[in-house]
Amino acid sequence: MEITWYGRTCIRLRGRDAVVVADPYQAVVGPTGRGISGDIAIFSHPDDTPLPKAKGRRSRDGKTVLPSSLEAAFVLDSPGEYEVRDVLVTGVRTYRDDQRGALRGSQTAFAVELDGLHTIHLGEIGHLLSEEKLADIGPVDVACVPVGGSLTANKAAELVAQLDPKVVVAMPVCEDDAACADALAKFFHEMGGEPTPQQKLSVSISTLPNETTAVLLEARGKS
């Protein structure tokens, strides 16, 4: 499975039989408004600043306009259990703050089983997980974790410890580069590594590391 990061929480998982795109940018906005494609599109939460005049197919909740290259994709944006193109997807209700959504609203974390690997995309989650939520998510090989948003570096590291994945893909969600650099430095310090960007990541069951390893990807589409 090949993992590519497009900025913020936009991740593409390319497997042998299907391609899953998480949190693609709105139509005509951002690097994924011009050509990212996939079989399944998952949205952890609606766009915070929807385009007022955007045209095109909308997500199931009607709040997000899909980029034209994803109009044929199967769209998921709510909790539940799904099977699409032999890909098992589980949506788990979570929140973008630690007050059950009172500040920033609710969202959906998606567990994706692709190429025999279990990947959790946590969107912009803002809290640690209860035992019930951990049971809903199940075993995790790869965790895509937001860094620099509602979670402090310490809390993000605690969240990783709860999930116990083999690979952690950091998703910086700060508002400016300086804040992101600081947040990433603190997070990778907690994880015992250095935030050294790499272009993409290919992972399989046979190549999973023995110990949890944090990875920072270069944002494809950023100039």
N, C-alpha and C. Protein backbone atom coordinates (compact mmCIF):
# COMPACT_ATOMS: atom_id res chain seq x y z
N MET A 1 0.85 -1.19 0.00
CA MET A 1 0.00 0.00 0.00
C MET A 1 0.88 1.24 0.00
N GLU A 2 0.55 2.17 -0.88
CA GLU A 2 1.32 3.41 -0.97
C GLU A 2 0.52 4.55 -0.32
N ILE A 3 1.19 5.30 0.55
CA ILE A 3 0.54 6.39 1.27
C ILE A 3 1.12 7.72 0.81
N THR A 4 0.26 8.64 0.40
CA THR A 4 0.67 9.97 -0.03
C THR A 4 -0.10 11.01 0.75
N TRP A 5 0.59 12.07 1.16
CA TRP A 5 -0.05 13.16 1.92
C TRP A 5 -0.14 14.39 1.04
N TYR A 6 -1.31 15.04 1.03
CA TYR A 6 -1.55 16.21 0.19
C TYR A 6 -1.72 17.49 0.99
N GLY A 7 -1.41 17.46 2.27
CA GLY A 7 -1.60 18.64 3.11
C GLY A 7 -2.76 18.44 4.07
N ARG A 8 -2.61 19.02 5.28
CA ARG A 8 -3.61 18.89 6.34
C ARG A 8 -4.01 17.42 6.52
N THR A 9 -5.28 17.10 6.46
CA THR A 9 -5.67 15.70 6.70
C THR A 9 -5.98 14.94 5.42
N CYS A 10 -5.53 15.44 4.29
CA CYS A 10 -5.78 14.76 3.01
C CYS A 10 -4.70 13.71 2.76
N ILE A 11 -5.13 12.46 2.75
CA ILE A 11 -4.24 11.31 2.57
C ILE A 11 -4.80 10.41 1.47
N ARG A 12 -3.91 9.88 0.64
CA ARG A 12 -4.34 8.87 -0.34
C ARG A 12 -3.70 7.53 0.00
N LEU A 13 -4.53 6.49 0.06
CA LEU A 13 -4.07 5.13 0.27
C LEU A 13 -4.27 4.37 -1.03
N ARG A 14 -3.18 4.00 -1.69
CA ARG A 14 -3.28 3.29 -2.96
C ARG A 14 -2.95 1.82 -2.73
N GLY A 15 -3.95 0.95 -2.86
CA GLY A 15 -3.76 -0.47 -2.69
C GLY A 15 -3.75 -1.20 -4.01
N ARG A 16 -3.65 -2.51 -3.95
CA ARG A 16 -3.62 -3.29 -5.19
C ARG A 16 -4.94 -3.22 -5.94
N ASP A 17 -6.05 -3.22 -5.19
CA ASP A 17 -7.36 -3.32 -5.82
C ASP A 17 -8.22 -2.07 -5.72
N ALA A 18 -7.79 -1.10 -4.92
CA ALA A 18 -8.61 0.10 -4.75
C ALA A 18 -7.75 1.25 -4.23
N VAL A 19 -8.26 2.46 -4.44
CA VAL A 19 -7.61 3.68 -3.95
C VAL A 19 -8.60 4.42 -3.06
N VAL A 20 -8.16 4.73 -1.84
CA VAL A 20 -8.99 5.46 -0.88
C VAL A 20 -8.39 6.85 -0.68
N VAL A 21 -9.23 7.88 -0.80
CA VAL A 21 -8.78 9.26 -0.59
C VAL A 21 -9.52 9.82 0.62
N ALA A 22 -8.76 10.28 1.61
CA ALA A 22 -9.36 10.85 2.82
C ALA A 22 -9.28 12.37 2.79
N ASP A 23 -10.38 13.02 3.10
CA ASP A 23 -10.47 14.48 3.23
C ASP A 23 -9.88 15.24 2.04
N PRO A 24 -10.32 14.92 0.81
CA PRO A 24 -9.85 15.71 -0.33
C PRO A 24 -10.35 17.14 -0.23
N TYR A 25 -9.60 18.05 -0.83
CA TYR A 25 -9.98 19.46 -0.80
C TYR A 25 -11.24 19.69 -1.62
N GLN A 26 -11.88 20.82 -1.37
CA GLN A 26 -13.09 21.17 -2.10
C GLN A 26 -12.80 21.28 -3.59
N ALA A 27 -13.87 21.23 -4.37
CA ALA A 27 -13.73 21.41 -5.80
C ALA A 27 -13.00 22.72 -6.11
N VAL A 28 -12.01 22.66 -6.97
CA VAL A 28 -11.26 23.79 -7.48
C VAL A 28 -10.38 24.46 -6.44
N VAL A 29 -10.35 23.94 -5.23
CA VAL A 29 -9.53 24.55 -4.18
C VAL A 29 -8.48 23.55 -3.71
N GLY A 30 -7.25 24.02 -3.58
CA GLY A 30 -6.20 23.17 -3.05
C GLY A 30 -5.64 22.24 -4.11
N PRO A 31 -4.55 21.53 -3.77
CA PRO A 31 -3.88 20.69 -4.75
C PRO A 31 -4.72 19.53 -5.25
N THR A 32 -5.72 19.09 -4.48
CA THR A 32 -6.51 17.96 -4.94
C THR A 32 -7.74 18.39 -5.72
N GLY A 33 -7.89 19.66 -6.00
CA GLY A 33 -8.99 20.10 -6.85
C GLY A 33 -8.69 19.87 -8.32
N ARG A 34 -7.48 19.38 -8.61
CA ARG A 34 -7.07 19.26 -10.00
C ARG A 34 -6.47 17.88 -10.28
N GLY A 35 -7.25 16.83 -10.07
CA GLY A 35 -6.80 15.58 -10.62
C GLY A 35 -6.62 14.39 -9.70
N ILE A 36 -6.71 14.54 -8.37
CA ILE A 36 -6.59 13.36 -7.52
C ILE A 36 -7.78 12.45 -7.78
N SER A 37 -7.52 11.16 -7.90
CA SER A 37 -8.61 10.22 -8.20
C SER A 37 -8.58 9.07 -7.21
N GLY A 38 -9.71 8.41 -7.09
CA GLY A 38 -9.81 7.29 -6.17
C GLY A 38 -11.14 6.59 -6.32
N ASP A 39 -11.22 5.40 -5.74
CA ASP A 39 -12.46 4.62 -5.79
C ASP A 39 -13.38 4.95 -4.62
N ILE A 40 -12.78 5.31 -3.49
CA ILE A 40 -13.54 5.62 -2.28
C ILE A 40 -13.04 6.94 -1.73
N ALA A 41 -13.95 7.84 -1.41
CA ALA A 41 -13.60 9.12 -0.77
C ALA A 41 -14.23 9.15 0.61
N ILE A 42 -13.40 9.40 1.64
CA ILE A 42 -13.93 9.47 2.99
C ILE A 42 -13.71 10.88 3.54
N PHE A 43 -14.71 11.38 4.23
CA PHE A 43 -14.64 12.73 4.79
C PHE A 43 -14.83 12.65 6.30
N SER A 44 -13.82 13.10 7.05
CA SER A 44 -13.93 13.05 8.50
C SER A 44 -14.88 14.12 9.02
N HIS A 45 -14.98 15.25 8.32
CA HIS A 45 -15.88 16.32 8.73
C HIS A 45 -16.16 17.23 7.53
N PRO A 46 -17.25 18.00 7.55
CA PRO A 46 -17.55 18.91 6.45
C PRO A 46 -16.51 20.02 6.36
N ASP A 47 -16.45 20.65 5.19
CA ASP A 47 -15.54 21.78 5.02
C ASP A 47 -15.88 22.90 6.00
N ASP A 48 -14.86 23.47 6.62
CA ASP A 48 -15.09 24.58 7.54
C ASP A 48 -15.49 25.85 6.80
N THR A 49 -14.97 26.02 5.59
CA THR A 49 -15.28 27.22 4.78
C THR A 49 -15.75 26.77 3.40
N PRO A 50 -16.99 26.28 3.31
CA PRO A 50 -17.48 25.80 2.02
C PRO A 50 -17.54 26.90 0.97
N LEU A 51 -17.31 26.51 -0.27
CA LEU A 51 -17.37 27.47 -1.36
C LEU A 51 -18.82 27.87 -1.62
N PRO A 52 -19.13 29.17 -1.62
CA PRO A 52 -20.53 29.59 -1.76
C PRO A 52 -21.13 29.28 -3.12
N LYS A 53 -20.31 29.26 -4.18
CA LYS A 53 -20.85 29.06 -5.52
C LYS A 53 -20.34 27.77 -6.15
N ALA A 54 -19.85 26.86 -5.34
CA ALA A 54 -19.29 25.62 -5.88
C ALA A 54 -20.39 24.78 -6.53
N LYS A 55 -20.05 24.17 -7.67
CA LYS A 55 -20.98 23.30 -8.37
C LYS A 55 -20.37 21.92 -8.48
N GLY A 56 -21.23 20.91 -8.53
CA GLY A 56 -20.74 19.55 -8.65
C GLY A 56 -21.42 18.63 -7.65
N ARG A 57 -21.03 17.38 -7.70
CA ARG A 57 -21.61 16.39 -6.80
C ARG A 57 -21.19 16.68 -5.37
N ARG A 58 -22.13 16.50 -4.46
CA ARG A 58 -21.85 16.75 -3.05
C ARG A 58 -21.72 15.45 -2.27
N SER A 59 -21.07 15.55 -1.12
CA SER A 59 -20.96 14.40 -0.23
C SER A 59 -22.34 14.05 0.30
N ARG A 60 -22.44 12.92 0.99
CA ARG A 60 -23.75 12.43 1.42
C ARG A 60 -24.44 13.40 2.38
N ASP A 61 -23.64 14.13 3.19
CA ASP A 61 -24.28 15.09 4.10
C ASP A 61 -24.63 16.40 3.41
N GLY A 62 -24.26 16.53 2.14
CA GLY A 62 -24.60 17.71 1.36
C GLY A 62 -23.78 18.94 1.66
N LYS A 63 -22.77 18.82 2.50
CA LYS A 63 -22.02 19.99 2.95
C LYS A 63 -20.67 20.18 2.27
N THR A 64 -20.26 19.21 1.47
CA THR A 64 -18.95 19.27 0.84
C THR A 64 -19.08 18.96 -0.65
N VAL A 65 -18.48 19.81 -1.49
CA VAL A 65 -18.49 19.59 -2.93
C VAL A 65 -17.24 18.80 -3.31
N LEU A 66 -17.46 17.70 -4.04
CA LEU A 66 -16.33 16.85 -4.43
C LEU A 66 -15.56 17.48 -5.57
N PRO A 67 -14.23 17.31 -5.58
CA PRO A 67 -13.48 17.69 -6.78
C PRO A 67 -13.96 16.83 -7.94
N SER A 68 -13.94 17.36 -9.14
CA SER A 68 -14.50 16.65 -10.30
C SER A 68 -13.84 15.29 -10.51
N SER A 69 -12.57 15.16 -10.17
CA SER A 69 -11.87 13.90 -10.38
C SER A 69 -12.36 12.80 -9.44
N LEU A 70 -13.14 13.17 -8.42
CA LEU A 70 -13.65 12.18 -7.47
C LEU A 70 -15.17 12.03 -7.54
N GLU A 71 -15.79 12.59 -8.58
CA GLU A 71 -17.24 12.53 -8.66
C GLU A 71 -17.77 11.11 -8.81
N ALA A 72 -16.94 10.20 -9.34
CA ALA A 72 -17.38 8.82 -9.52
C ALA A 72 -17.05 7.95 -8.31
N ALA A 73 -16.38 8.51 -7.32
CA ALA A 73 -15.97 7.73 -6.15
C ALA A 73 -17.16 7.44 -5.24
N PHE A 74 -17.07 6.35 -4.48
CA PHE A 74 -18.06 6.04 -3.46
C PHE A 74 -17.71 6.88 -2.24
N VAL A 75 -18.66 7.69 -1.76
CA VAL A 75 -18.38 8.67 -0.72
C VAL A 75 -18.92 8.20 0.63
N LEU A 76 -18.07 8.31 1.66
CA LEU A 76 -18.45 7.99 3.03
C LEU A 76 -18.15 9.18 3.92
N ASP A 77 -19.11 9.59 4.74
CA ASP A 77 -18.87 10.73 5.62
C ASP A 77 -19.60 10.61 6.96
N SER A 78 -19.90 9.37 7.36
CA SER A 78 -20.62 9.17 8.61
C SER A 78 -20.26 7.82 9.22
N PRO A 79 -20.52 7.65 10.51
CA PRO A 79 -20.20 6.37 11.16
C PRO A 79 -20.97 5.20 10.56
N GLY A 80 -20.39 4.03 10.67
CA GLY A 80 -21.03 2.82 10.16
C GLY A 80 -20.00 1.84 9.65
N GLU A 81 -20.46 0.68 9.22
CA GLU A 81 -19.59 -0.33 8.65
C GLU A 81 -19.93 -0.50 7.18
N TYR A 82 -18.90 -0.47 6.33
CA TYR A 82 -19.10 -0.49 4.89
C TYR A 82 -18.12 -1.47 4.24
N GLU A 83 -18.53 -2.00 3.09
CA GLU A 83 -17.63 -2.78 2.25
C GLU A 83 -17.78 -2.29 0.82
N VAL A 84 -16.72 -1.75 0.27
CA VAL A 84 -16.73 -1.19 -1.07
C VAL A 84 -15.52 -1.73 -1.82
N ARG A 85 -15.75 -2.38 -2.96
CA ARG A 85 -14.66 -2.95 -3.77
C ARG A 85 -13.74 -3.83 -2.91
N ASP A 86 -14.33 -4.62 -2.07
CA ASP A 86 -13.60 -5.53 -1.18
C ASP A 86 -12.75 -4.81 -0.14
N VAL A 87 -12.99 -3.52 0.03
CA VAL A 87 -12.32 -2.75 1.07
C VAL A 87 -13.29 -2.59 2.24
N LEU A 88 -12.85 -2.99 3.44
CA LEU A 88 -13.69 -2.85 4.62
C LEU A 88 -13.39 -1.50 5.28
N VAL A 89 -14.44 -0.71 5.51
CA VAL A 89 -14.29 0.62 6.11
C VAL A 89 -15.24 0.72 7.30
N THR A 90 -14.71 1.17 8.42
CA THR A 90 -15.53 1.38 9.62
C THR A 90 -15.41 2.85 10.04
N GLY A 91 -16.54 3.54 10.07
CA GLY A 91 -16.56 4.92 10.53
C GLY A 91 -16.95 4.99 12.00
N VAL A 92 -16.15 5.68 12.79
CA VAL A 92 -16.36 5.76 14.23
C VAL A 92 -16.58 7.21 14.64
N ARG A 93 -17.67 7.49 15.34
CA ARG A 93 -17.96 8.86 15.78
C ARG A 93 -16.89 9.35 16.75
N THR A 94 -16.28 10.46 16.43
CA THR A 94 -15.31 11.11 17.31
C THR A 94 -15.59 12.61 17.27
N TYR A 95 -14.70 13.41 17.90
CA TYR A 95 -14.95 14.85 18.01
C TYR A 95 -13.68 15.64 17.73
N ARG A 96 -13.85 16.89 17.32
CA ARG A 96 -12.70 17.74 16.98
C ARG A 96 -12.21 18.56 18.17
N ASP A 97 -12.70 18.24 19.34
CA ASP A 97 -12.24 18.86 20.58
C ASP A 97 -12.38 17.83 21.69
N ASP A 98 -12.05 18.23 22.92
CA ASP A 98 -12.16 17.29 24.03
C ASP A 98 -13.39 17.53 24.88
N GLN A 99 -14.40 18.18 24.26
CA GLN A 99 -15.64 18.46 24.97
C GLN A 99 -16.84 17.92 24.18
N ARG A 100 -16.63 16.74 23.59
CA ARG A 100 -17.69 16.06 22.83
C ARG A 100 -18.28 16.95 21.75
N GLY A 101 -17.42 17.73 21.10
CA GLY A 101 -17.84 18.52 19.96
C GLY A 101 -18.43 19.87 20.28
N ALA A 102 -18.45 20.27 21.56
CA ALA A 102 -19.07 21.54 21.94
C ALA A 102 -18.37 22.74 21.31
N LEU A 103 -17.06 22.63 21.07
CA LEU A 103 -16.30 23.75 20.53
C LEU A 103 -16.14 23.70 19.01
N ARG A 104 -15.80 22.51 18.48
CA ARG A 104 -15.48 22.41 17.06
C ARG A 104 -16.32 21.37 16.32
N GLY A 105 -17.22 20.73 17.01
CA GLY A 105 -18.12 19.80 16.33
C GLY A 105 -17.62 18.36 16.30
N SER A 106 -18.49 17.50 15.83
CA SER A 106 -18.17 16.07 15.74
C SER A 106 -17.49 15.76 14.42
N GLN A 107 -16.97 14.56 14.32
CA GLN A 107 -16.34 14.10 13.09
C GLN A 107 -16.37 12.58 13.08
N THR A 108 -15.84 11.99 12.01
CA THR A 108 -15.79 10.54 11.90
C THR A 108 -14.35 10.11 11.64
N ALA A 109 -13.85 9.21 12.46
CA ALA A 109 -12.56 8.57 12.20
C ALA A 109 -12.85 7.30 11.40
N PHE A 110 -12.03 7.04 10.39
CA PHE A 110 -12.29 5.89 9.52
C PHE A 110 -11.16 4.87 9.62
N ALA A 111 -11.56 3.62 9.93
CA ALA A 111 -10.63 2.49 9.89
C ALA A 111 -10.80 1.79 8.55
N VAL A 112 -9.70 1.64 7.83
CA VAL A 112 -9.73 1.10 6.47
C VAL A 112 -8.87 -0.16 6.40
N GLU A 113 -9.45 -1.24 5.93
CA GLU A 113 -8.67 -2.47 5.73
C GLU A 113 -8.39 -2.61 4.24
N LEU A 114 -7.12 -2.41 3.87
CA LEU A 114 -6.70 -2.40 2.47
C LEU A 114 -5.37 -3.14 2.36
N ASP A 115 -5.27 -4.06 1.43
CA ASP A 115 -4.06 -4.88 1.24
C ASP A 115 -3.68 -5.63 2.52
N GLY A 116 -4.68 -5.99 3.32
CA GLY A 116 -4.41 -6.71 4.55
C GLY A 116 -3.91 -5.85 5.69
N LEU A 117 -3.78 -4.55 5.45
CA LEU A 117 -3.33 -3.61 6.47
C LEU A 117 -4.50 -2.86 7.06
N HIS A 118 -4.44 -2.61 8.35
CA HIS A 118 -5.49 -1.85 9.04
C HIS A 118 -4.97 -0.43 9.29
N THR A 119 -5.60 0.53 8.62
CA THR A 119 -5.20 1.93 8.72
C THR A 119 -6.32 2.74 9.36
N ILE A 120 -5.98 3.58 10.33
CA ILE A 120 -6.98 4.48 10.91
C ILE A 120 -6.64 5.91 10.52
N HIS A 121 -7.61 6.59 9.91
CA HIS A 121 -7.47 8.02 9.59
C HIS A 121 -8.28 8.78 10.62
N LEU A 122 -7.58 9.58 11.44
CA LEU A 122 -8.22 10.21 12.60
C LEU A 122 -8.74 11.61 12.32
N GLY A 123 -8.67 12.08 11.09
CA GLY A 123 -9.17 13.41 10.79
C GLY A 123 -8.52 14.46 11.66
N GLU A 124 -9.33 15.35 12.23
CA GLU A 124 -8.81 16.37 13.16
C GLU A 124 -9.28 16.07 14.58
N ILE A 125 -9.15 14.82 14.97
CA ILE A 125 -9.60 14.40 16.31
C ILE A 125 -8.97 15.28 17.39
N GLY A 126 -9.74 15.55 18.44
CA GLY A 126 -9.26 16.45 19.49
C GLY A 126 -9.25 15.83 20.88
N HIS A 127 -9.25 14.50 20.96
CA HIS A 127 -9.35 13.86 22.27
C HIS A 127 -8.73 12.47 22.23
N LEU A 128 -8.49 11.92 23.41
CA LEU A 128 -8.09 10.53 23.52
C LEU A 128 -9.31 9.63 23.33
N LEU A 129 -9.07 8.35 23.15
CA LEU A 129 -10.15 7.42 22.83
C LEU A 129 -10.57 6.59 24.03
N SER A 130 -11.86 6.37 24.15
CA SER A 130 -12.38 5.50 25.21
C SER A 130 -12.14 4.04 24.82
N GLU A 131 -12.29 3.14 25.78
CA GLU A 131 -12.14 1.72 25.49
C GLU A 131 -13.16 1.27 24.45
N GLU A 132 -14.36 1.85 24.51
CA GLU A 132 -15.39 1.51 23.54
C GLU A 132 -14.98 1.90 22.13
N LYS A 133 -14.44 3.11 21.98
CA LYS A 133 -14.01 3.57 20.65
C LYS A 133 -12.83 2.75 20.14
N LEU A 134 -11.90 2.41 21.04
CA LEU A 134 -10.77 1.58 20.64
C LEU A 134 -11.23 0.22 20.15
N ALA A 135 -12.26 -0.33 20.80
CA ALA A 135 -12.81 -1.61 20.37
C ALA A 135 -13.48 -1.48 19.00
N ASP A 136 -14.17 -0.36 18.77
CA ASP A 136 -14.81 -0.13 17.47
C ASP A 136 -13.76 -0.04 16.36
N ILE A 137 -12.63 0.60 16.65
CA ILE A 137 -11.57 0.77 15.66
C ILE A 137 -10.86 -0.54 15.38
N GLY A 138 -10.60 -1.32 16.43
CA GLY A 138 -9.92 -2.60 16.26
C GLY A 138 -8.42 -2.46 16.14
N PRO A 139 -7.73 -3.51 15.71
CA PRO A 139 -6.27 -3.46 15.60
C PRO A 139 -5.83 -2.45 14.55
N VAL A 140 -4.67 -1.82 14.78
CA VAL A 140 -4.18 -0.77 13.88
C VAL A 140 -2.74 -1.06 13.49
N ASP A 141 -2.48 -1.06 12.19
CA ASP A 141 -1.11 -1.15 11.68
C ASP A 141 -0.55 0.24 11.37
N VAL A 142 -1.38 1.08 10.76
CA VAL A 142 -0.96 2.43 10.35
C VAL A 142 -1.96 3.44 10.91
N ALA A 143 -1.47 4.47 11.58
CA ALA A 143 -2.33 5.52 12.14
C ALA A 143 -1.95 6.86 11.52
N CYS A 144 -2.93 7.53 10.93
CA CYS A 144 -2.74 8.89 10.40
C CYS A 144 -3.26 9.85 11.46
N VAL A 145 -2.33 10.58 12.09
CA VAL A 145 -2.63 11.33 13.31
C VAL A 145 -2.42 12.83 13.09
N PRO A 146 -3.41 13.67 13.43
CA PRO A 146 -3.23 15.12 13.29
C PRO A 146 -2.25 15.65 14.34
N VAL A 147 -1.41 16.59 13.93
CA VAL A 147 -0.43 17.19 14.82
C VAL A 147 -0.56 18.71 14.71
N GLY A 148 -0.68 19.38 15.88
CA GLY A 148 -0.74 20.84 15.88
C GLY A 148 -2.13 21.42 15.89
N GLY A 149 -3.15 20.60 15.95
CA GLY A 149 -4.52 21.11 16.01
C GLY A 149 -5.00 21.17 17.45
N SER A 150 -6.11 20.51 17.74
CA SER A 150 -6.66 20.52 19.10
C SER A 150 -5.82 19.71 20.06
N LEU A 151 -5.05 18.74 19.53
CA LEU A 151 -4.24 17.88 20.39
C LEU A 151 -2.85 18.49 20.61
N THR A 152 -2.38 18.51 21.84
CA THR A 152 -0.99 18.87 22.11
C THR A 152 -0.11 17.70 21.65
N ALA A 153 1.18 17.96 21.54
CA ALA A 153 2.11 16.91 21.15
C ALA A 153 2.04 15.74 22.13
N ASN A 154 1.93 16.06 23.42
CA ASN A 154 1.84 15.01 24.43
C ASN A 154 0.59 14.16 24.25
N LYS A 155 -0.55 14.83 24.01
CA LYS A 155 -1.81 14.10 23.83
C LYS A 155 -1.78 13.26 22.55
N ALA A 156 -1.18 13.81 21.49
CA ALA A 156 -1.07 13.06 20.25
C ALA A 156 -0.24 11.79 20.47
N ALA A 157 0.84 11.91 21.23
CA ALA A 157 1.67 10.74 21.54
C ALA A 157 0.89 9.75 22.41
N GLU A 158 0.07 10.25 23.33
CA GLU A 158 -0.78 9.37 24.15
C GLU A 158 -1.78 8.62 23.28
N LEU A 159 -2.33 9.33 22.30
CA LEU A 159 -3.29 8.72 21.38
C LEU A 159 -2.62 7.60 20.59
N VAL A 160 -1.39 7.85 20.14
CA VAL A 160 -0.64 6.82 19.43
C VAL A 160 -0.43 5.60 20.34
N ALA A 161 -0.08 5.85 21.59
CA ALA A 161 0.13 4.75 22.53
C ALA A 161 -1.15 3.93 22.71
N GLN A 162 -2.31 4.61 22.72
CA GLN A 162 -3.58 3.89 22.84
C GLN A 162 -3.80 2.94 21.66
N LEU A 163 -3.47 3.43 20.46
CA LEU A 163 -3.73 2.66 19.24
C LEU A 163 -2.67 1.60 18.98
N ASP A 164 -1.45 1.86 19.44
CA ASP A 164 -0.33 0.93 19.30
C ASP A 164 -0.09 0.48 17.86
N PRO A 165 0.02 1.44 16.92
CA PRO A 165 0.28 1.06 15.53
C PRO A 165 1.76 0.78 15.30
N LYS A 166 2.08 0.23 14.14
CA LYS A 166 3.48 0.04 13.77
C LYS A 166 4.02 1.27 13.04
N VAL A 167 3.14 1.96 12.31
CA VAL A 167 3.54 3.16 11.56
C VAL A 167 2.60 4.30 11.90
N VAL A 168 3.16 5.48 12.15
CA VAL A 168 2.37 6.68 12.41
C VAL A 168 2.69 7.70 11.33
N VAL A 169 1.67 8.14 10.61
CA VAL A 169 1.84 9.20 9.62
C VAL A 169 1.34 10.50 10.24
N ALA A 170 2.25 11.43 10.47
CA ALA A 170 1.88 12.72 11.07
C ALA A 170 1.19 13.60 10.02
N MET A 171 0.08 14.23 10.41
CA MET A 171 -0.65 15.14 9.52
C MET A 171 -0.67 16.52 10.17
N PRO A 172 0.29 17.40 9.85
CA PRO A 172 0.29 18.75 10.44
C PRO A 172 -0.96 19.53 10.03
N VAL A 173 -1.67 20.08 11.01
CA VAL A 173 -2.91 20.81 10.73
C VAL A 173 -2.86 22.23 11.31
N CYS A 174 -1.65 22.77 11.45
CA CYS A 174 -1.50 24.12 12.00
C CYS A 174 -1.87 25.16 10.96
N GLU A 175 -2.06 26.39 11.45
CA GLU A 175 -2.44 27.48 10.55
C GLU A 175 -1.25 28.14 9.87
N ASP A 176 -0.03 27.94 10.40
CA ASP A 176 1.14 28.53 9.74
C ASP A 176 2.33 27.59 9.90
N ASP A 177 3.35 27.79 9.05
CA ASP A 177 4.48 26.88 9.00
C ASP A 177 5.28 26.87 10.30
N ALA A 178 5.41 28.03 10.93
CA ALA A 178 6.20 28.10 12.17
C ALA A 178 5.55 27.28 13.27
N ALA A 179 4.23 27.41 13.40
CA ALA A 179 3.51 26.64 14.42
C ALA A 179 3.61 25.15 14.13
N CYS A 180 3.55 24.77 12.84
CA CYS A 180 3.65 23.37 12.46
C CYS A 180 5.03 22.81 12.79
N ALA A 181 6.07 23.59 12.49
CA ALA A 181 7.43 23.13 12.77
C ALA A 181 7.62 22.86 14.25
N ASP A 182 7.09 23.75 15.09
CA ASP A 182 7.20 23.58 16.53
C ASP A 182 6.41 22.35 17.00
N ALA A 183 5.18 22.21 16.50
CA ALA A 183 4.34 21.08 16.90
C ALA A 183 4.96 19.76 16.47
N LEU A 184 5.50 19.72 15.25
CA LEU A 184 6.11 18.49 14.75
C LEU A 184 7.35 18.13 15.56
N ALA A 185 8.17 19.14 15.87
CA ALA A 185 9.39 18.89 16.66
C ALA A 185 9.03 18.27 18.01
N LYS A 186 8.00 18.82 18.65
CA LYS A 186 7.59 18.29 19.96
C LYS A 186 7.01 16.89 19.83
N PHE A 187 6.20 16.66 18.79
CA PHE A 187 5.58 15.34 18.61
C PHE A 187 6.64 14.29 18.33
N PHE A 188 7.57 14.58 17.41
CA PHE A 188 8.59 13.59 17.08
C PHE A 188 9.55 13.37 18.24
N HIS A 189 9.75 14.39 19.07
CA HIS A 189 10.54 14.20 20.29
C HIS A 189 9.84 13.19 21.20
N GLU A 190 8.52 13.33 21.32
CA GLU A 190 7.75 12.38 22.12
C GLU A 190 7.82 10.97 21.53
N MET A 191 7.90 10.90 20.21
CA MET A 191 7.92 9.60 19.53
C MET A 191 9.33 9.03 19.41
N GLY A 192 10.33 9.83 19.81
CA GLY A 192 11.71 9.34 19.78
C GLY A 192 12.33 9.36 18.40
N GLY A 193 11.94 10.33 17.57
CA GLY A 193 12.51 10.42 16.22
C GLY A 193 12.71 11.85 15.79
N GLU A 194 13.03 12.03 14.51
CA GLU A 194 13.23 13.36 13.93
C GLU A 194 12.23 13.56 12.80
N PRO A 195 11.65 14.79 12.69
CA PRO A 195 10.68 15.06 11.61
C PRO A 195 11.37 15.30 10.27
N THR A 196 11.87 14.23 9.65
CA THR A 196 12.55 14.32 8.36
C THR A 196 11.58 13.92 7.25
N PRO A 197 11.17 14.87 6.40
CA PRO A 197 10.14 14.56 5.39
C PRO A 197 10.64 13.57 4.33
N GLN A 198 9.73 12.71 3.88
CA GLN A 198 10.00 11.85 2.74
C GLN A 198 8.82 11.96 1.78
N GLN A 199 9.05 11.66 0.49
CA GLN A 199 8.04 11.93 -0.53
C GLN A 199 6.79 11.09 -0.35
N LYS A 200 6.98 9.81 -0.17
CA LYS A 200 5.82 8.92 -0.01
C LYS A 200 6.26 7.71 0.81
N LEU A 201 5.29 6.89 1.15
CA LEU A 201 5.56 5.74 1.99
C LEU A 201 4.88 4.51 1.40
N SER A 202 5.64 3.46 1.22
CA SER A 202 5.07 2.19 0.79
C SER A 202 5.21 1.20 1.93
N VAL A 203 4.14 0.53 2.27
CA VAL A 203 4.16 -0.37 3.41
C VAL A 203 3.34 -1.62 3.08
N SER A 204 3.80 -2.74 3.59
CA SER A 204 3.08 -4.00 3.45
C SER A 204 3.17 -4.74 4.77
N ILE A 205 2.41 -5.82 4.88
CA ILE A 205 2.43 -6.58 6.13
C ILE A 205 3.85 -7.05 6.44
N SER A 206 4.58 -7.46 5.40
CA SER A 206 5.92 -8.01 5.61
C SER A 206 6.96 -6.95 5.94
N THR A 207 6.66 -5.66 5.64
CA THR A 207 7.65 -4.61 5.88
C THR A 207 7.32 -3.75 7.10
N LEU A 208 6.28 -4.09 7.85
CA LEU A 208 5.94 -3.31 9.03
C LEU A 208 7.10 -3.37 10.04
N PRO A 209 7.47 -2.24 10.62
CA PRO A 209 8.56 -2.24 11.60
C PRO A 209 8.16 -2.96 12.88
N ASN A 210 9.14 -3.39 13.63
CA ASN A 210 8.87 -4.09 14.89
C ASN A 210 8.36 -3.15 15.97
N GLU A 211 8.84 -1.90 15.94
CA GLU A 211 8.43 -0.90 16.92
C GLU A 211 7.73 0.26 16.21
N THR A 212 6.89 0.96 16.96
CA THR A 212 6.15 2.09 16.39
C THR A 212 7.11 3.13 15.81
N THR A 213 6.90 3.47 14.55
CA THR A 213 7.77 4.40 13.83
C THR A 213 6.93 5.54 13.27
N ALA A 214 7.32 6.78 13.60
CA ALA A 214 6.61 7.96 13.10
C ALA A 214 7.24 8.45 11.81
N VAL A 215 6.40 8.85 10.87
CA VAL A 215 6.85 9.28 9.54
C VAL A 215 6.24 10.63 9.22
N LEU A 216 7.04 11.50 8.61
CA LEU A 216 6.54 12.78 8.08
C LEU A 216 6.69 12.77 6.58
N LEU A 217 5.59 12.97 5.87
CA LEU A 217 5.62 12.97 4.41
C LEU A 217 5.64 14.39 3.88
N GLU A 218 6.27 14.56 2.72
CA GLU A 218 6.20 15.86 2.04
C GLU A 218 4.80 16.01 1.45
N ALA A 219 4.28 17.22 1.53
CA ALA A 219 2.93 17.46 1.03
C ALA A 219 2.96 17.54 -0.50
N ARG A 220 2.41 16.56 -1.13
CA ARG A 220 2.34 16.58 -2.59
C ARG A 220 1.33 17.62 -3.02
N GLY A 221 1.70 18.47 -3.96
CA GLY A 221 0.80 19.51 -4.41
C GLY A 221 1.14 20.86 -3.85
N LYS A 222 1.99 20.90 -2.78
CA LYS A 222 2.43 22.19 -2.28
C LYS A 222 3.60 22.68 -3.11
N SER A 223 3.62 23.95 -3.41
CA SER A 223 4.69 24.48 -4.23
C SER A 223 5.91 24.74 -3.37
